[in-house]
Amino acid sequence: MVTRDEARAAKPTLRRALESVEGVCGVGLAQRGDAADWVLQVNVMTPRARKDVPPVVDGVPVRVQVVGAVTAL
């Protein structure tokens, strides 16, 4: 189980790791299971971008969601 503070502390490391990955459109935190279990979430534009996202960062699992292109309304 990962606390929100642990996930929050790992987020900058993940952001640095993804700086050169094309297709990443968001990095954040998400709950997994119950309210006390957190993961890092990476939103990507294409399934191909998933391959460059690490599965775990600083002991925190990383979940990848393919969301497509993000545009303003």
PDB file of N, CA and C in Angstrom:
ATOM      1  N   MET A   1       0.847  -1.170   0.000  1.00  0.00           N
ATOM      2  CA  MET A   1       0.000   0.000   0.000  1.00  0.00           C
ATOM      3  C   MET A   1       0.897   1.239   0.000  1.00  0.00           C
ATOM      4  N   VAL A   2       0.547   2.217  -0.804  1.00  0.00           N
ATOM      5  CA  VAL A   2       1.309   3.458  -0.944  1.00  0.00           C
ATOM      6  C   VAL A   2       0.442   4.623  -0.478  1.00  0.00           C
ATOM      7  N   THR A   3       0.997   5.451   0.391  1.00  0.00           N
ATOM      8  CA  THR A   3       0.255   6.611   0.868  1.00  0.00           C
ATOM      9  C   THR A   3       0.280   7.729  -0.179  1.00  0.00           C
ATOM     10  N   ARG A   4      -0.607   8.675  -0.025  1.00  0.00           N
ATOM     11  CA  ARG A   4      -0.649   9.812  -0.934  1.00  0.00           C
ATOM     12  C   ARG A   4       0.652  10.613  -0.844  1.00  0.00           C
ATOM     13  N   ASP A   5       1.197  10.757   0.349  1.00  0.00           N
ATOM     14  CA  ASP A   5       2.452  11.501   0.501  1.00  0.00           C
ATOM     15  C   ASP A   5       3.614  10.792  -0.204  1.00  0.00           C
ATOM     16  N   GLU A   6       3.661   9.469  -0.150  1.00  0.00           N
ATOM     17  CA  GLU A   6       4.706   8.714  -0.854  1.00  0.00           C
ATOM     18  C   GLU A   6       4.573   8.895  -2.361  1.00  0.00           C
ATOM     19  N   ALA A   7       3.350   8.827  -2.856  1.00  0.00           N
ATOM     20  CA  ALA A   7       3.114   9.015  -4.291  1.00  0.00           C
ATOM     21  C   ALA A   7       3.477  10.441  -4.698  1.00  0.00           C
ATOM     22  N   ARG A   8       3.096  11.392  -3.890  1.00  0.00           N
ATOM     23  CA  ARG A   8       3.401  12.802  -4.185  1.00  0.00           C
ATOM     24  C   ARG A   8       4.916  13.032  -4.218  1.00  0.00           C
ATOM     25  N   ALA A   9       5.654  12.388  -3.321  1.00  0.00           N
ATOM     26  CA  ALA A   9       7.110  12.543  -3.278  1.00  0.00           C
ATOM     27  C   ALA A   9       7.785  11.922  -4.505  1.00  0.00           C
ATOM     28  N   ALA A  10       7.190  10.860  -5.074  1.00  0.00           N
ATOM     29  CA  ALA A  10       7.764  10.185  -6.246  1.00  0.00           C
ATOM     30  C   ALA A  10       7.427  10.879  -7.564  1.00  0.00           C
ATOM     31  N   LYS A  11       6.427  11.726  -7.561  1.00  0.00           N
ATOM     32  CA  LYS A  11       5.959  12.358  -8.793  1.00  0.00           C
ATOM     33  C   LYS A  11       7.039  13.171  -9.513  1.00  0.00           C
ATOM     34  N   PRO A  12       7.840  13.992  -8.835  1.00  0.00           N
ATOM     35  CA  PRO A  12       8.881  14.743  -9.562  1.00  0.00           C
ATOM     36  C   PRO A  12       9.901  13.829 -10.250  1.00  0.00           C
ATOM     37  N   THR A  13      10.228  12.708  -9.636  1.00  0.00           N
ATOM     38  CA  THR A  13      11.154  11.754 -10.251  1.00  0.00           C
ATOM     39  C   THR A  13      10.561  11.203 -11.536  1.00  0.00           C
ATOM     40  N   LEU A  14       9.283  10.866 -11.505  1.00  0.00           N
ATOM     41  CA  LEU A  14       8.619  10.355 -12.703  1.00  0.00           C
ATOM     42  C   LEU A  14       8.557  11.429 -13.781  1.00  0.00           C
ATOM     43  N   ARG A  15       8.234  12.648 -13.412  1.00  0.00           N
ATOM     44  CA  ARG A  15       8.162  13.739 -14.399  1.00  0.00           C
ATOM     45  C   ARG A  15       9.507  13.927 -15.099  1.00  0.00           C
ATOM     46  N   ARG A  16      10.598  13.877 -14.330  1.00  0.00           N
ATOM     47  CA  ARG A  16      11.927  13.998 -14.942  1.00  0.00           C
ATOM     48  C   ARG A  16      12.204  12.832 -15.884  1.00  0.00           C
ATOM     49  N   ALA A  17      11.792  11.635 -15.497  1.00  0.00           N
ATOM     50  CA  ALA A  17      12.025  10.450 -16.332  1.00  0.00           C
ATOM     51  C   ALA A  17      11.243  10.518 -17.641  1.00  0.00           C
ATOM     52  N   LEU A  18      10.141  11.256 -17.653  1.00  0.00           N
ATOM     53  CA  LEU A  18       9.273  11.310 -18.832  1.00  0.00           C
ATOM     54  C   LEU A  18       9.476  12.560 -19.683  1.00  0.00           C
ATOM     55  N   GLU A  19      10.415  13.425 -19.306  1.00  0.00           N
ATOM     56  CA  GLU A  19      10.610  14.681 -20.037  1.00  0.00           C
ATOM     57  C   GLU A  19      10.843  14.477 -21.534  1.00  0.00           C
ATOM     58  N   SER A  20      11.556  13.440 -21.897  1.00  0.00           N
ATOM     59  CA  SER A  20      11.873  13.230 -23.313  1.00  0.00           C
ATOM     60  C   SER A  20      10.972  12.199 -23.985  1.00  0.00           C
ATOM     61  N   VAL A  21       9.955  11.738 -23.294  1.00  0.00           N
ATOM     62  CA  VAL A  21       9.048  10.743 -23.869  1.00  0.00           C
ATOM     63  C   VAL A  21       7.945  11.453 -24.649  1.00  0.00           C
ATOM     64  N   GLU A  22       7.900  11.185 -25.931  1.00  0.00           N
ATOM     65  CA  GLU A  22       6.889  11.805 -26.777  1.00  0.00           C
ATOM     66  C   GLU A  22       5.532  11.139 -26.548  1.00  0.00           C
ATOM     67  N   GLY A  23       4.497  11.948 -26.428  1.00  0.00           N
ATOM     68  CA  GLY A  23       3.149  11.426 -26.287  1.00  0.00           C
ATOM     69  C   GLY A  23       2.597  11.470 -24.881  1.00  0.00           C
ATOM     70  N   VAL A  24       3.384  11.902 -23.907  1.00  0.00           N
ATOM     71  CA  VAL A  24       2.888  12.038 -22.537  1.00  0.00           C
ATOM     72  C   VAL A  24       2.145  13.365 -22.436  1.00  0.00           C
ATOM     73  N   CYS A  25       0.917  13.316 -21.926  1.00  0.00           N
ATOM     74  CA  CYS A  25       0.140  14.550 -21.838  1.00  0.00           C
ATOM     75  C   CYS A  25      -0.319  14.858 -20.418  1.00  0.00           C
ATOM     76  N   GLY A  26       0.106  14.053 -19.449  1.00  0.00           N
ATOM     77  CA  GLY A  26      -0.246  14.356 -18.068  1.00  0.00           C
ATOM     78  C   GLY A  26       0.366  13.373 -17.094  1.00  0.00           C
ATOM     79  N   VAL A  27       0.729  13.881 -15.905  1.00  0.00           N
ATOM     80  CA  VAL A  27       1.258  13.052 -14.825  1.00  0.00           C
ATOM     81  C   VAL A  27       0.560  13.495 -13.550  1.00  0.00           C
ATOM     82  N   GLY A  28       0.008  12.539 -12.821  1.00  0.00           N
ATOM     83  CA  GLY A  28      -0.687  12.888 -11.592  1.00  0.00           C
ATOM     84  C   GLY A  28      -0.773  11.731 -10.642  1.00  0.00           C
ATOM     85  N   LEU A  29      -1.626  11.874  -9.632  1.00  0.00           N
ATOM     86  CA  LEU A  29      -1.858  10.843  -8.633  1.00  0.00           C
ATOM     87  C   LEU A  29      -3.261  10.284  -8.810  1.00  0.00           C
ATOM     88  N   ALA A  30      -3.433   9.020  -8.464  1.00  0.00           N
ATOM     89  CA  ALA A  30      -4.763   8.407  -8.536  1.00  0.00           C
ATOM     90  C   ALA A  30      -4.889   7.381  -7.414  1.00  0.00           C
ATOM     91  N   GLN A  31      -6.101   7.211  -6.930  1.00  0.00           N
ATOM     92  CA  GLN A  31      -6.354   6.184  -5.921  1.00  0.00           C
ATOM     93  C   GLN A  31      -6.450   4.827  -6.597  1.00  0.00           C
ATOM     94  N   ARG A  32      -5.973   3.815  -5.861  1.00  0.00           N
ATOM     95  CA  ARG A  32      -6.078   2.433  -6.343  1.00  0.00           C
ATOM     96  C   ARG A  32      -6.683   1.638  -5.212  1.00  0.00           C
ATOM     97  N   GLY A  33      -7.772   0.971  -5.486  1.00  0.00           N
ATOM     98  CA  GLY A  33      -8.402   0.188  -4.422  1.00  0.00           C
ATOM     99  C   GLY A  33      -9.114   1.094  -3.437  1.00  0.00           C
ATOM    100  N   ASP A  34      -8.593   1.147  -2.203  1.00  0.00           N
ATOM    101  CA  ASP A  34      -9.265   1.964  -1.191  1.00  0.00           C
ATOM    102  C   ASP A  34      -8.645   3.364  -1.111  1.00  0.00           C
ATOM    103  N   ALA A  35      -9.197   4.183  -0.258  1.00  0.00           N
ATOM    104  CA  ALA A  35      -8.794   5.590  -0.172  1.00  0.00           C
ATOM    105  C   ALA A  35      -7.374   5.783   0.351  1.00  0.00           C
ATOM    106  N   ALA A  36      -6.761   4.750   0.910  1.00  0.00           N
ATOM    107  CA  ALA A  36      -5.415   4.883   1.467  1.00  0.00           C
ATOM    108  C   ALA A  36      -4.337   4.322   0.549  1.00  0.00           C
ATOM    109  N   ASP A  37      -4.693   3.901  -0.654  1.00  0.00           N
ATOM    110  CA  ASP A  37      -3.731   3.293  -1.576  1.00  0.00           C
ATOM    111  C   ASP A  37      -3.648   4.136  -2.842  1.00  0.00           C
ATOM    112  N   TRP A  38      -2.443   4.639  -3.150  1.00  0.00           N
ATOM    113  CA  TRP A  38      -2.256   5.580  -4.248  1.00  0.00           C
ATOM    114  C   TRP A  38      -1.256   5.077  -5.271  1.00  0.00           C
ATOM    115  N   VAL A  39      -1.389   5.532  -6.501  1.00  0.00           N
ATOM    116  CA  VAL A  39      -0.454   5.241  -7.588  1.00  0.00           C
ATOM    117  C   VAL A  39      -0.162   6.547  -8.321  1.00  0.00           C
ATOM    118  N   LEU A  40       0.885   6.514  -9.130  1.00  0.00           N
ATOM    119  CA  LEU A  40       1.141   7.602 -10.063  1.00  0.00           C
ATOM    120  C   LEU A  40       0.411   7.271 -11.348  1.00  0.00           C
ATOM    121  N   GLN A  41      -0.233   8.241 -11.959  1.00  0.00           N
ATOM    122  CA  GLN A  41      -0.929   8.006 -13.217  1.00  0.00           C
ATOM    123  C   GLN A  41      -0.314   8.858 -14.311  1.00  0.00           C
ATOM    124  N   VAL A  42      -0.060   8.213 -15.446  1.00  0.00           N
ATOM    125  CA  VAL A  42       0.479   8.902 -16.615  1.00  0.00           C
ATOM    126  C   VAL A  42      -0.546   8.798 -17.727  1.00  0.00           C
ATOM    127  N   ASN A  43      -0.946   9.929 -18.279  1.00  0.00           N
ATOM    128  CA  ASN A  43      -1.847   9.957 -19.422  1.00  0.00           C
ATOM    129  C   ASN A  43      -1.003  10.114 -20.683  1.00  0.00           C
ATOM    130  N   VAL A  44      -1.262   9.251 -21.665  1.00  0.00           N
ATOM    131  CA  VAL A  44      -0.520   9.292 -22.921  1.00  0.00           C
ATOM    132  C   VAL A  44      -1.491   9.410 -24.081  1.00  0.00           C
ATOM    133  N   MET A  45      -0.984   9.936 -25.197  1.00  0.00           N
ATOM    134  CA  MET A  45      -1.833  10.148 -26.369  1.00  0.00           C
ATOM    135  C   MET A  45      -1.997   8.890 -27.211  1.00  0.00           C
ATOM    136  N   THR A  46      -0.984   8.010 -27.224  1.00  0.00           N
ATOM    137  CA  THR A  46      -1.047   6.814 -28.065  1.00  0.00           C
ATOM    138  C   THR A  46      -0.577   5.592 -27.278  1.00  0.00           C
ATOM    139  N   PRO A  47      -1.055   4.424 -27.648  1.00  0.00           N
ATOM    140  CA  PRO A  47      -0.586   3.206 -26.982  1.00  0.00           C
ATOM    141  C   PRO A  47       0.931   3.021 -27.090  1.00  0.00           C
ATOM    142  N   ARG A  48       1.536   3.484 -28.158  1.00  0.00           N
ATOM    143  CA  ARG A  48       2.976   3.340 -28.350  1.00  0.00           C
ATOM    144  C   ARG A  48       3.765   4.044 -27.240  1.00  0.00           C
ATOM    145  N   ALA A  49       3.265   5.142 -26.717  1.00  0.00           N
ATOM    146  CA  ALA A  49       3.962   5.890 -25.668  1.00  0.00           C
ATOM    147  C   ALA A  49       4.038   5.113 -24.355  1.00  0.00           C
ATOM    148  N   ARG A  50       3.175   4.125 -24.173  1.00  0.00           N
ATOM    149  CA  ARG A  50       3.166   3.330 -22.938  1.00  0.00           C
ATOM    150  C   ARG A  50       4.488   2.631 -22.689  1.00  0.00           C
ATOM    151  N   LYS A  51       5.165   2.215 -23.759  1.00  0.00           N
ATOM    152  CA  LYS A  51       6.367   1.389 -23.606  1.00  0.00           C
ATOM    153  C   LYS A  51       7.507   2.120 -22.910  1.00  0.00           C
ATOM    154  N   ASP A  52       7.521   3.435 -22.926  1.00  0.00           N
ATOM    155  CA  ASP A  52       8.598   4.221 -22.336  1.00  0.00           C
ATOM    156  C   ASP A  52       8.299   4.693 -20.912  1.00  0.00           C
ATOM    157  N   VAL A  53       7.169   4.278 -20.360  1.00  0.00           N
ATOM    158  CA  VAL A  53       6.797   4.675 -19.007  1.00  0.00           C
ATOM    159  C   VAL A  53       7.225   3.569 -18.041  1.00  0.00           C
ATOM    160  N   PRO A  54       8.006   3.914 -17.010  1.00  0.00           N
ATOM    161  CA  PRO A  54       8.431   2.877 -16.062  1.00  0.00           C
ATOM    162  C   PRO A  54       7.248   2.348 -15.257  1.00  0.00           C
ATOM    163  N   PRO A  55       7.267   1.060 -14.893  1.00  0.00           N
ATOM    164  CA  PRO A  55       6.147   0.483 -14.146  1.00  0.00           C
ATOM    165  C   PRO A  55       6.109   0.886 -12.669  1.00  0.00           C
ATOM    166  N   VAL A  56       7.276   1.257 -12.124  1.00  0.00           N
ATOM    167  CA  VAL A  56       7.378   1.639 -10.711  1.00  0.00           C
ATOM    168  C   VAL A  56       8.416   2.750 -10.591  1.00  0.00           C
ATOM    169  N   VAL A  57       8.142   3.732  -9.748  1.00  0.00           N
ATOM    170  CA  VAL A  57       9.093   4.817  -9.484  1.00  0.00           C
ATOM    171  C   VAL A  57       9.180   5.004  -7.973  1.00  0.00           C
ATOM    172  N   ASP A  58      10.376   4.863  -7.436  1.00  0.00           N
ATOM    173  CA  ASP A  58      10.599   5.025  -5.989  1.00  0.00           C
ATOM    174  C   ASP A  58       9.633   4.169  -5.167  1.00  0.00           C
ATOM    175  N   GLY A  59       9.337   2.976  -5.647  1.00  0.00           N
ATOM    176  CA  GLY A  59       8.452   2.065  -4.931  1.00  0.00           C
ATOM    177  C   GLY A  59       6.972   2.316  -5.136  1.00  0.00           C
ATOM    178  N   VAL A  60       6.633   3.274  -5.971  1.00  0.00           N
ATOM    179  CA  VAL A  60       5.229   3.625  -6.224  1.00  0.00           C
ATOM    180  C   VAL A  60       4.840   3.085  -7.604  1.00  0.00           C
ATOM    181  N   PRO A  61       3.774   2.272  -7.679  1.00  0.00           N
ATOM    182  CA  PRO A  61       3.327   1.762  -8.979  1.00  0.00           C
ATOM    183  C   PRO A  61       2.869   2.894  -9.895  1.00  0.00           C
ATOM    184  N   VAL A  62       3.062   2.678 -11.198  1.00  0.00           N
ATOM    185  CA  VAL A  62       2.662   3.665 -12.199  1.00  0.00           C
ATOM    186  C   VAL A  62       1.578   3.051 -13.077  1.00  0.00           C
ATOM    187  N   ARG A  63       0.456   3.742 -13.198  1.00  0.00           N
ATOM    188  CA  ARG A  63      -0.649   3.313 -14.059  1.00  0.00           C
ATOM    189  C   ARG A  63      -0.663   4.220 -15.282  1.00  0.00           C
ATOM    190  N   VAL A  64      -0.823   3.613 -16.454  1.00  0.00           N
ATOM    191  CA  VAL A  64      -0.831   4.377 -17.703  1.00  0.00           C
ATOM    192  C   VAL A  64      -2.220   4.307 -18.322  1.00  0.00           C
ATOM    193  N   GLN A  65      -2.734   5.465 -18.714  1.00  0.00           N
ATOM    194  CA  GLN A  65      -4.028   5.558 -19.384  1.00  0.00           C
ATOM    195  C   GLN A  65      -3.819   6.187 -20.764  1.00  0.00           C
ATOM    196  N   VAL A  66      -4.334   5.539 -21.787  1.00  0.00           N
ATOM    197  CA  VAL A  66      -4.291   6.122 -23.139  1.00  0.00           C
ATOM    198  C   VAL A  66      -5.536   6.984 -23.263  1.00  0.00           C
ATOM    199  N   VAL A  67      -5.322   8.308 -23.382  1.00  0.00           N
ATOM    200  CA  VAL A  67      -6.448   9.242 -23.413  1.00  0.00           C
ATOM    201  C   VAL A  67      -6.609   9.958 -24.738  1.00  0.00           C
ATOM    202  N   GLY A  68      -5.652   9.761 -25.658  1.00  0.00           N
ATOM    203  CA  GLY A  68      -5.711  10.448 -26.927  1.00  0.00           C
ATOM    204  C   GLY A  68      -5.219  11.871 -26.798  1.00  0.00           C
ATOM    205  N   ALA A  69      -5.375  12.634 -27.843  1.00  0.00           N
ATOM    206  CA  ALA A  69      -4.934  14.025 -27.850  1.00  0.00           C
ATOM    207  C   ALA A  69      -5.820  14.850 -26.924  1.00  0.00           C
ATOM    208  N   VAL A  70      -5.190  15.718 -26.159  1.00  0.00           N
ATOM    209  CA  VAL A  70      -5.911  16.589 -25.237  1.00  0.00           C
ATOM    210  C   VAL A  70      -5.966  17.977 -25.860  1.00  0.00           C
ATOM    211  N   THR A  71      -7.179  18.511 -25.992  1.00  0.00           N
ATOM    212  CA  THR A  71      -7.352  19.842 -26.566  1.00  0.00           C
ATOM    213  C   THR A  71      -8.285  20.668 -25.683  1.00  0.00           C
ATOM    214  N   ALA A  72      -8.148  21.971 -25.777  1.00  0.00           N
ATOM    215  CA  ALA A  72      -9.039  22.872 -25.054  1.00  0.00           C
ATOM    216  C   ALA A  72     -10.403  22.912 -25.737  1.00  0.00           C
ATOM    217  N   LEU A  73     -11.428  23.102 -24.952  1.00  0.00           N
ATOM    218  CA  LEU A  73     -12.792  23.184 -25.520  1.00  0.00           C
ATOM    219  C   LEU A  73     -13.070  24.559 -26.066  1.00  0.00           C
TER     220      LEU A  73
END
